Amino acid sequence: MPKGQRRPPKREKEEKGWQKKQRKKICIFCKDKMAYVDYKDVSLLRKFVSDRGKIRARRVTGNCSQHQREVASAVKNAREMALLPYTAR
């Protein structure tokens, strides 16, 4: 930026559409009023595991803290029972 020129104030940046507002993700377990997370439901658990085999974070999945803990333990149980792989192929 040349000397003497100022950056535009933040207000002008937001008016030009620099920042996109993100919608808050809703916990699917709370929305569907599911009582518990079943470790045998592999198709559901695959949504919460990355392609590398890692459990996805709350901010990525949109789960509440209680259901994220239940998902993590269900994924670990499913891995132990050989329903889900520990790593990617």
N, C-alpha and C. Protein backbone atom coordinates (compact mmCIF):
# COMPACT_ATOMS: atom_id res chain seq x y z
N MET A 1 0.85 -1.16 0.00
CA MET A 1 0.00 0.00 0.00
C MET A 1 0.90 1.23 0.00
N PRO A 2 0.65 2.18 -0.92
CA PRO A 2 1.49 3.38 -0.98
C PRO A 2 1.36 4.23 0.29
N LYS A 3 2.40 4.97 0.54
CA LYS A 3 2.42 5.81 1.73
C LYS A 3 1.36 6.90 1.61
N GLY A 4 0.68 7.15 2.70
CA GLY A 4 -0.34 8.18 2.71
C GLY A 4 -1.74 7.64 2.48
N GLN A 5 -1.85 6.42 1.95
CA GLN A 5 -3.17 5.84 1.74
C GLN A 5 -3.59 5.07 2.98
N ARG A 6 -4.84 5.12 3.31
CA ARG A 6 -5.34 4.42 4.48
C ARG A 6 -6.20 3.24 4.04
N ARG A 7 -6.25 2.27 4.92
CA ARG A 7 -7.14 1.15 4.67
C ARG A 7 -8.58 1.58 4.90
N PRO A 8 -9.50 0.98 4.17
CA PRO A 8 -10.91 1.34 4.43
C PRO A 8 -11.33 0.80 5.79
N PRO A 9 -12.21 1.52 6.48
CA PRO A 9 -12.68 1.03 7.77
C PRO A 9 -13.41 -0.31 7.62
N LYS A 10 -13.53 -1.02 8.73
CA LYS A 10 -14.14 -2.35 8.69
C LYS A 10 -15.56 -2.31 8.15
N ARG A 11 -16.27 -1.25 8.44
CA ARG A 11 -17.65 -1.15 7.99
C ARG A 11 -17.75 -1.28 6.47
N GLU A 12 -16.85 -0.61 5.77
CA GLU A 12 -16.88 -0.66 4.31
C GLU A 12 -16.55 -2.06 3.80
N LYS A 13 -15.64 -2.75 4.48
CA LYS A 13 -15.29 -4.11 4.06
C LYS A 13 -16.50 -5.02 4.17
N GLU A 14 -17.25 -4.90 5.28
CA GLU A 14 -18.40 -5.77 5.49
C GLU A 14 -19.51 -5.46 4.48
N GLU A 15 -19.64 -4.18 4.11
CA GLU A 15 -20.67 -3.82 3.14
C GLU A 15 -20.35 -4.39 1.77
N LYS A 16 -19.08 -4.54 1.46
CA LYS A 16 -18.68 -5.08 0.16
C LYS A 16 -18.80 -6.59 0.11
N GLY A 17 -19.11 -7.23 1.22
CA GLY A 17 -19.29 -8.67 1.22
C GLY A 17 -18.01 -9.44 1.48
N TRP A 18 -17.10 -8.88 2.24
CA TRP A 18 -15.82 -9.55 2.53
C TRP A 18 -16.03 -10.74 3.44
N GLN A 19 -16.91 -10.60 4.39
CA GLN A 19 -17.11 -11.67 5.36
C GLN A 19 -18.46 -12.31 5.13
N LYS A 20 -18.46 -13.63 5.18
CA LYS A 20 -19.70 -14.37 5.03
C LYS A 20 -20.16 -14.83 6.41
N LYS A 21 -21.42 -14.65 6.71
CA LYS A 21 -21.94 -15.07 7.99
C LYS A 21 -22.26 -16.56 7.91
N GLN A 22 -21.75 -17.34 8.88
CA GLN A 22 -21.98 -18.77 8.88
C GLN A 22 -23.18 -19.09 9.76
N ARG A 23 -23.99 -20.04 9.29
CA ARG A 23 -25.11 -20.50 10.10
C ARG A 23 -24.61 -21.50 11.12
N LYS A 24 -25.21 -21.45 12.31
CA LYS A 24 -24.83 -22.38 13.35
C LYS A 24 -25.37 -23.76 13.02
N LYS A 25 -24.53 -24.78 13.15
CA LYS A 25 -24.95 -26.14 12.87
C LYS A 25 -25.74 -26.67 14.06
N ILE A 26 -26.73 -27.47 13.76
CA ILE A 26 -27.61 -28.01 14.80
C ILE A 26 -27.28 -29.48 15.01
N CYS A 27 -27.26 -29.90 16.25
CA CYS A 27 -26.99 -31.29 16.60
C CYS A 27 -28.10 -32.18 16.04
N ILE A 28 -27.76 -33.16 15.21
CA ILE A 28 -28.78 -34.00 14.59
C ILE A 28 -29.44 -34.92 15.61
N PHE A 29 -28.73 -35.25 16.68
CA PHE A 29 -29.30 -36.12 17.71
C PHE A 29 -30.35 -35.36 18.52
N CYS A 30 -30.09 -34.09 18.82
CA CYS A 30 -31.07 -33.28 19.55
C CYS A 30 -32.27 -32.98 18.65
N LYS A 31 -32.00 -32.72 17.37
CA LYS A 31 -33.08 -32.39 16.43
C LYS A 31 -34.04 -33.57 16.26
N ASP A 32 -33.49 -34.78 16.12
CA ASP A 32 -34.32 -35.98 15.92
C ASP A 32 -34.75 -36.62 17.23
N LYS A 33 -34.32 -36.04 18.36
CA LYS A 33 -34.64 -36.55 19.70
C LYS A 33 -34.27 -38.03 19.86
N MET A 34 -33.04 -38.36 19.46
CA MET A 34 -32.54 -39.73 19.61
C MET A 34 -32.11 -39.93 21.05
N ALA A 35 -32.47 -41.07 21.63
CA ALA A 35 -32.18 -41.34 23.03
C ALA A 35 -30.69 -41.59 23.26
N TYR A 36 -30.06 -42.35 22.37
CA TYR A 36 -28.64 -42.66 22.52
C TYR A 36 -28.02 -42.91 21.15
N VAL A 37 -26.71 -42.93 21.12
CA VAL A 37 -25.97 -43.19 19.89
C VAL A 37 -25.59 -44.67 19.90
N ASP A 38 -26.05 -45.40 18.90
CA ASP A 38 -25.81 -46.84 18.84
C ASP A 38 -24.51 -47.12 18.10
N TYR A 39 -23.61 -47.88 18.70
CA TYR A 39 -22.33 -48.18 18.07
C TYR A 39 -22.48 -49.13 16.89
N LYS A 40 -23.63 -49.81 16.77
CA LYS A 40 -23.86 -50.75 15.67
C LYS A 40 -24.37 -50.06 14.41
N ASP A 41 -24.77 -48.80 14.54
CA ASP A 41 -25.27 -48.03 13.39
C ASP A 41 -24.07 -47.42 12.66
N VAL A 42 -23.43 -48.23 11.82
CA VAL A 42 -22.18 -47.83 11.18
C VAL A 42 -22.40 -46.71 10.17
N SER A 43 -23.52 -46.73 9.45
CA SER A 43 -23.77 -45.69 8.45
C SER A 43 -23.88 -44.31 9.10
N LEU A 44 -24.45 -44.23 10.29
CA LEU A 44 -24.53 -42.97 11.01
C LEU A 44 -23.15 -42.55 11.53
N LEU A 45 -22.41 -43.50 12.06
CA LEU A 45 -21.10 -43.18 12.64
C LEU A 45 -20.09 -42.75 11.59
N ARG A 46 -20.24 -43.23 10.35
CA ARG A 46 -19.30 -42.85 9.29
C ARG A 46 -19.36 -41.35 8.98
N LYS A 47 -20.49 -40.71 9.28
CA LYS A 47 -20.62 -39.27 9.07
C LYS A 47 -19.71 -38.48 10.02
N PHE A 48 -19.35 -39.09 11.14
CA PHE A 48 -18.57 -38.40 12.16
C PHE A 48 -17.11 -38.83 12.16
N VAL A 49 -16.70 -39.61 11.15
CA VAL A 49 -15.32 -40.06 11.04
C VAL A 49 -14.79 -39.56 9.70
N SER A 50 -13.59 -39.00 9.69
CA SER A 50 -13.01 -38.49 8.45
C SER A 50 -12.56 -39.65 7.56
N ASP A 51 -12.16 -39.33 6.34
CA ASP A 51 -11.69 -40.37 5.43
C ASP A 51 -10.37 -40.96 5.90
N ARG A 52 -9.67 -40.28 6.77
CA ARG A 52 -8.42 -40.80 7.34
C ARG A 52 -8.67 -41.63 8.60
N GLY A 53 -9.92 -41.68 9.07
CA GLY A 53 -10.26 -42.49 10.23
C GLY A 53 -10.31 -41.73 11.54
N LYS A 54 -10.17 -40.40 11.48
CA LYS A 54 -10.20 -39.60 12.71
C LYS A 54 -11.63 -39.18 13.03
N ILE A 55 -11.92 -39.05 14.32
CA ILE A 55 -13.23 -38.57 14.75
C ILE A 55 -13.27 -37.06 14.51
N ARG A 56 -14.32 -36.60 13.83
CA ARG A 56 -14.43 -35.18 13.49
C ARG A 56 -14.77 -34.36 14.73
N ALA A 57 -14.34 -33.11 14.73
CA ALA A 57 -14.54 -32.20 15.86
C ALA A 57 -15.98 -31.72 15.93
N ARG A 58 -16.35 -31.21 17.10
CA ARG A 58 -17.70 -30.68 17.31
C ARG A 58 -18.01 -29.53 16.38
N ARG A 59 -17.05 -28.65 16.17
CA ARG A 59 -17.31 -27.48 15.34
C ARG A 59 -17.53 -27.86 13.88
N VAL A 60 -17.03 -29.04 13.48
CA VAL A 60 -17.22 -29.52 12.12
C VAL A 60 -18.57 -30.22 11.98
N THR A 61 -18.90 -31.08 12.95
CA THR A 61 -20.12 -31.87 12.86
C THR A 61 -21.35 -31.12 13.35
N GLY A 62 -21.17 -30.19 14.28
CA GLY A 62 -22.29 -29.44 14.83
C GLY A 62 -22.97 -30.13 15.99
N ASN A 63 -22.35 -31.16 16.54
CA ASN A 63 -22.94 -31.86 17.69
C ASN A 63 -22.83 -31.03 18.95
N CYS A 64 -23.75 -31.26 19.89
CA CYS A 64 -23.62 -30.66 21.21
C CYS A 64 -22.58 -31.48 21.99
N SER A 65 -22.14 -30.96 23.12
CA SER A 65 -21.05 -31.61 23.84
C SER A 65 -21.42 -33.00 24.34
N GLN A 66 -22.65 -33.17 24.80
CA GLN A 66 -23.08 -34.47 25.32
C GLN A 66 -23.08 -35.52 24.20
N HIS A 67 -23.65 -35.17 23.06
CA HIS A 67 -23.73 -36.14 21.98
C HIS A 67 -22.37 -36.36 21.31
N GLN A 68 -21.50 -35.36 21.34
CA GLN A 68 -20.16 -35.56 20.80
C GLN A 68 -19.40 -36.60 21.62
N ARG A 69 -19.55 -36.55 22.95
CA ARG A 69 -18.92 -37.56 23.80
C ARG A 69 -19.49 -38.94 23.50
N GLU A 70 -20.81 -39.03 23.32
CA GLU A 70 -21.44 -40.31 23.01
C GLU A 70 -20.99 -40.84 21.65
N VAL A 71 -20.86 -39.95 20.67
CA VAL A 71 -20.38 -40.35 19.34
C VAL A 71 -18.96 -40.88 19.44
N ALA A 72 -18.11 -40.18 20.20
CA ALA A 72 -16.72 -40.61 20.33
C ALA A 72 -16.63 -42.00 20.95
N SER A 73 -17.40 -42.24 22.00
CA SER A 73 -17.35 -43.56 22.63
C SER A 73 -17.97 -44.63 21.73
N ALA A 74 -19.02 -44.28 20.97
CA ALA A 74 -19.63 -45.23 20.04
C ALA A 74 -18.67 -45.59 18.91
N VAL A 75 -17.93 -44.61 18.41
CA VAL A 75 -16.94 -44.88 17.36
C VAL A 75 -15.84 -45.78 17.90
N LYS A 76 -15.41 -45.52 19.12
CA LYS A 76 -14.36 -46.35 19.72
C LYS A 76 -14.85 -47.78 19.94
N ASN A 77 -16.11 -47.94 20.36
CA ASN A 77 -16.68 -49.28 20.52
C ASN A 77 -16.79 -49.99 19.17
N ALA A 78 -17.24 -49.26 18.15
CA ALA A 78 -17.38 -49.86 16.82
C ALA A 78 -16.02 -50.26 16.26
N ARG A 79 -14.99 -49.49 16.54
CA ARG A 79 -13.64 -49.87 16.11
C ARG A 79 -13.19 -51.14 16.81
N GLU A 80 -13.48 -51.22 18.10
CA GLU A 80 -13.09 -52.39 18.88
C GLU A 80 -13.79 -53.65 18.39
N MET A 81 -15.04 -53.50 17.95
CA MET A 81 -15.82 -54.64 17.45
C MET A 81 -15.56 -54.90 15.96
N ALA A 82 -14.64 -54.16 15.36
CA ALA A 82 -14.26 -54.29 13.94
C ALA A 82 -15.40 -53.92 13.00
N LEU A 83 -16.27 -53.00 13.42
CA LEU A 83 -17.31 -52.50 12.53
C LEU A 83 -16.81 -51.29 11.74
N LEU A 84 -15.89 -50.54 12.35
CA LEU A 84 -15.26 -49.39 11.70
C LEU A 84 -13.75 -49.61 11.70
N PRO A 85 -13.07 -49.15 10.65
CA PRO A 85 -11.61 -49.29 10.64
C PRO A 85 -10.95 -48.22 11.52
N TYR A 86 -9.78 -48.55 12.03
CA TYR A 86 -9.02 -47.57 12.82
C TYR A 86 -8.40 -46.52 11.91
N THR A 87 -7.94 -46.93 10.74
CA THR A 87 -7.31 -46.02 9.79
C THR A 87 -7.90 -46.21 8.41
N ALA A 88 -7.52 -45.32 7.50
CA ALA A 88 -7.98 -45.43 6.12
C ALA A 88 -7.21 -46.54 5.41
N ARG A 89 -7.80 -47.05 4.37
CA ARG A 89 -7.15 -48.12 3.61
C ARG A 89 -6.10 -47.57 2.67
